[in-house]
Protein backbone atom coordinates (compact mmCIF):
# COMPACT_ATOMS: atom_id res chain seq x y z
CA MET A 1 56.44 -91.47 31.01
CA TRP A 2 53.76 -93.13 33.14
CA TYR A 3 50.56 -91.33 34.02
CA SER A 4 47.45 -92.57 35.75
CA SER A 5 44.43 -92.45 33.46
CA GLY A 6 42.97 -89.49 35.36
CA SER A 7 46.19 -87.51 35.22
CA GLU A 8 46.59 -88.22 31.53
CA LYS A 9 43.09 -86.84 30.87
CA VAL A 10 43.86 -83.64 32.79
CA LEU A 11 47.16 -83.13 30.96
CA LYS A 12 45.49 -83.74 27.62
CA ALA A 13 42.70 -81.26 28.48
CA LEU A 14 45.26 -78.63 29.48
CA GLU A 15 47.16 -79.02 26.22
CA GLU A 16 43.96 -79.02 24.14
CA ALA A 17 43.07 -75.72 25.84
CA GLY A 18 46.37 -74.24 24.67
CA ALA A 19 48.63 -74.83 27.66
CA SER A 20 52.09 -76.34 27.34
CA VAL A 21 52.99 -78.87 30.01
CA VAL A 22 56.72 -78.23 30.46
CA ALA A 23 57.45 -80.28 33.59
CA LEU A 24 55.80 -83.02 35.58
CA GLU A 25 56.52 -83.96 39.18
CA ASN A 26 54.85 -87.24 40.03
CA TYR A 27 55.79 -90.56 41.59
CA THR A 28 58.64 -91.08 39.13
CA GLY A 29 60.70 -88.90 36.85
CA TYR A 30 62.46 -85.71 37.86
CA LYS A 31 62.46 -86.19 41.62
CA SER A 32 64.33 -89.50 41.36
CA LEU A 33 67.22 -87.61 39.77
CA ASP A 34 67.13 -84.61 42.10
CA ILE A 35 68.97 -86.25 45.01
CA MET A 36 72.15 -88.13 44.17
CA VAL A 37 73.57 -91.11 46.05
CA ASP A 38 76.43 -90.16 48.38
CA GLU A 39 79.50 -91.83 46.83
CA ASP A 40 81.74 -91.42 49.86
CA PRO A 41 83.96 -94.55 49.77
CA ASN A 42 83.80 -94.73 53.59
CA LYS A 43 79.99 -95.00 53.60
CA ASP A 44 78.19 -98.32 53.33
CA PRO A 45 76.67 -98.38 49.79
CA LEU A 46 73.35 -99.83 51.03
CA PHE A 47 73.11 -97.11 53.66
CA ALA A 48 73.85 -94.47 51.00
CA LEU A 49 71.08 -95.84 48.75
CA ALA A 50 68.60 -96.00 51.63
CA GLU A 51 69.48 -92.44 52.63
CA LYS A 52 68.88 -91.18 49.07
CA TYR A 53 65.46 -92.83 48.77
CA LEU A 54 64.35 -91.77 52.25
CA LYS A 55 65.17 -88.15 51.32
CA THR A 56 63.21 -88.32 48.05
CA PRO A 57 60.25 -85.91 48.40
CA CYS A 58 57.39 -88.27 47.58
CA SER A 59 54.03 -86.63 46.89
CA CYS A 60 52.21 -89.10 49.14
CA MET A 61 54.19 -88.23 52.27
CA THR A 62 53.17 -85.57 54.77
CA PRO A 63 54.39 -83.21 56.04
CA ASN A 64 56.46 -82.75 52.93
CA ASN A 65 58.23 -79.41 52.74
CA ALA A 66 60.96 -80.97 50.58
CA ARG A 67 58.39 -81.58 47.82
CA PHE A 68 57.30 -77.94 47.91
CA GLU A 69 60.94 -76.84 47.65
CA LEU A 70 61.44 -79.19 44.68
CA VAL A 71 58.34 -77.80 42.92
CA LYS A 72 59.56 -74.22 43.52
CA ARG A 73 62.97 -75.06 42.02
CA MET A 74 61.34 -76.78 39.03
CA ALA A 75 59.01 -73.80 38.46
CA LYS A 76 62.00 -71.46 38.39
CA GLU A 77 64.14 -73.76 36.22
CA TYR A 78 61.39 -74.39 33.65
CA GLU A 79 60.08 -70.80 33.82
CA VAL A 80 56.49 -71.90 34.37
CA ASP A 81 53.53 -69.52 34.42
CA GLY A 82 51.37 -71.75 36.61
CA ILE A 83 51.24 -74.99 38.56
CA VAL A 84 48.50 -77.59 38.48
CA ASP A 85 48.36 -80.01 41.41
CA LEU A 86 46.70 -83.31 40.56
CA THR A 87 45.27 -85.41 43.36
CA SER A 88 43.92 -88.87 42.78
CA PHE A 89 41.70 -90.98 44.96
CA VAL A 90 41.65 -94.75 44.72
């Protein structure tokens, strides 16, 4: 899995402190699998792909209630005890 160098350092520090990172929601990974492409044979395939990617709750978009809903579902599914939100500045 890809991490930025800053994110990798934070995850490593968390694990060294005894935490277990059980899920990660970042630019890639879980969220790309959360919304499936509509396979309706009457729908234009390019439109269906565009629709899927435009609905993907990217962390850099705002307002982004879909991302918060995704994180809530992931927290429940993975039975997490806490959430760490990483923000990077370039």
